[in-house]
Amino acid sequence: MRIILAENYVIDIDPLNYTLKKKYIGKDSSGNDKAAEKVCGYFGNVRECVEEFIRLAQIEKLKGMELSLEGYLERLEKENKRIADEIIRMM
């Protein structure tokens, strides 16, 4: 079974674990574009997967920014709300 998350992330579920993966476009040996997936982690339940997805999405969104602690916390709160809204919309 596969759960599709926002921002090109998926959770693959098998009898042993929950695998969080990020979809991206890579290159094959000929240099052509090719759909690929990177494993972001293996988890014991779906909640842990979603928590890691949120953490990774925060990092991606705030990457390269230089902010004060207050500014960082404000951006983090906005990003958390955006991600939660996106997950709820998908349900």
Protein backbone atom coordinates (compact mmCIF):
# COMPACT_ATOMS: atom_id res chain seq x y z
CA MET A 1 0.00 0.00 0.00
CA ARG A 2 1.14 3.53 -0.70
CA ILE A 3 0.07 6.80 0.92
CA ILE A 4 0.72 9.88 -1.18
CA LEU A 5 1.77 12.95 0.80
CA ALA A 6 2.23 16.50 -0.36
CA GLU A 7 5.44 17.85 -1.86
CA ASN A 8 6.47 14.66 -3.69
CA TYR A 9 6.63 12.48 -0.61
CA VAL A 10 5.07 9.03 -0.25
CA ILE A 11 4.79 6.41 2.47
CA ASP A 12 5.11 2.78 1.38
CA ILE A 13 3.56 0.33 3.83
CA ASP A 14 4.59 -3.30 4.05
CA PRO A 15 4.18 -5.90 6.81
CA LEU A 16 7.49 -4.93 8.44
CA ASN A 17 7.57 -1.14 8.35
CA TYR A 18 6.53 2.22 6.96
CA THR A 19 9.01 3.73 4.49
CA LEU A 20 9.08 7.49 3.83
CA LYS A 21 10.32 8.30 0.32
CA LYS A 22 10.84 11.49 -1.67
CA LYS A 23 10.10 11.42 -5.38
CA TYR A 24 12.41 13.34 -7.72
CA ILE A 25 13.59 13.44 -11.32
CA GLY A 26 17.06 11.99 -11.76
CA LYS A 27 19.12 10.96 -14.77
CA ASP A 28 19.65 7.51 -16.23
CA SER A 29 23.01 6.32 -17.60
CA SER A 30 22.24 7.99 -20.94
CA GLY A 31 21.57 11.35 -19.30
CA ASN A 32 17.80 11.19 -19.83
CA ASP A 33 15.36 12.28 -17.13
CA LYS A 34 14.07 9.42 -15.03
CA ALA A 35 11.60 9.29 -12.15
CA ALA A 36 13.30 8.14 -8.95
CA GLU A 37 12.71 7.89 -5.22
CA LYS A 38 15.01 8.46 -2.27
CA VAL A 39 14.37 6.62 1.00
CA CYS A 40 14.14 9.16 3.83
CA GLY A 41 13.66 6.61 6.59
CA TYR A 42 12.02 3.48 7.93
CA PHE A 43 9.47 3.79 10.73
CA GLY A 44 7.31 1.64 12.98
CA ASN A 45 4.09 3.55 12.33
CA VAL A 46 2.54 6.14 10.04
CA ARG A 47 2.62 8.88 12.69
CA GLU A 48 6.44 8.71 12.85
CA CYS A 49 6.55 8.96 9.04
CA VAL A 50 4.36 12.05 9.00
CA GLU A 51 6.43 13.67 11.76
CA GLU A 52 9.61 13.09 9.74
CA PHE A 53 7.90 14.39 6.59
CA ILE A 54 6.99 17.61 8.43
CA ARG A 55 10.55 17.98 9.74
CA LEU A 56 12.04 17.51 6.27
CA ALA A 57 9.53 19.89 4.67
CA GLN A 58 10.44 22.55 7.24
CA ILE A 59 14.13 22.16 6.52
CA GLU A 60 13.56 22.38 2.75
CA LYS A 61 11.39 25.48 3.05
CA LEU A 62 13.74 27.35 5.39
CA LYS A 63 16.98 26.18 3.75
CA GLY A 64 19.46 28.99 3.06
CA MET A 65 17.56 31.61 5.05
CA GLU A 66 19.25 33.78 7.63
CA LEU A 67 16.74 34.68 10.34
CA SER A 68 16.59 35.84 13.93
CA LEU A 69 15.28 33.27 16.39
CA GLU A 70 11.95 35.10 16.50
CA GLY A 71 11.79 35.20 12.70
CA TYR A 72 12.69 31.53 12.48
CA LEU A 73 9.98 30.54 14.95
CA GLU A 74 7.39 32.64 13.08
CA ARG A 75 8.34 31.04 9.74
CA LEU A 76 8.35 27.60 11.32
CA GLU A 77 4.85 28.12 12.71
CA LYS A 78 3.56 29.28 9.30
CA GLU A 79 5.21 26.34 7.57
CA ASN A 80 3.73 23.87 10.07
CA LYS A 81 0.27 25.29 9.45
CA ARG A 82 0.73 25.12 5.67
CA ILE A 83 1.84 21.49 5.83
CA ALA A 84 -1.00 20.52 8.19
CA ASP A 85 -3.53 22.26 5.91
CA GLU A 86 -2.12 20.42 2.90
CA ILE A 87 -2.34 17.03 4.63
CA ILE A 88 -5.89 17.73 5.80
CA ARG A 89 -6.89 18.80 2.27
CA MET A 90 -5.65 15.47 0.93
CA MET A 91 -7.80 13.44 3.36
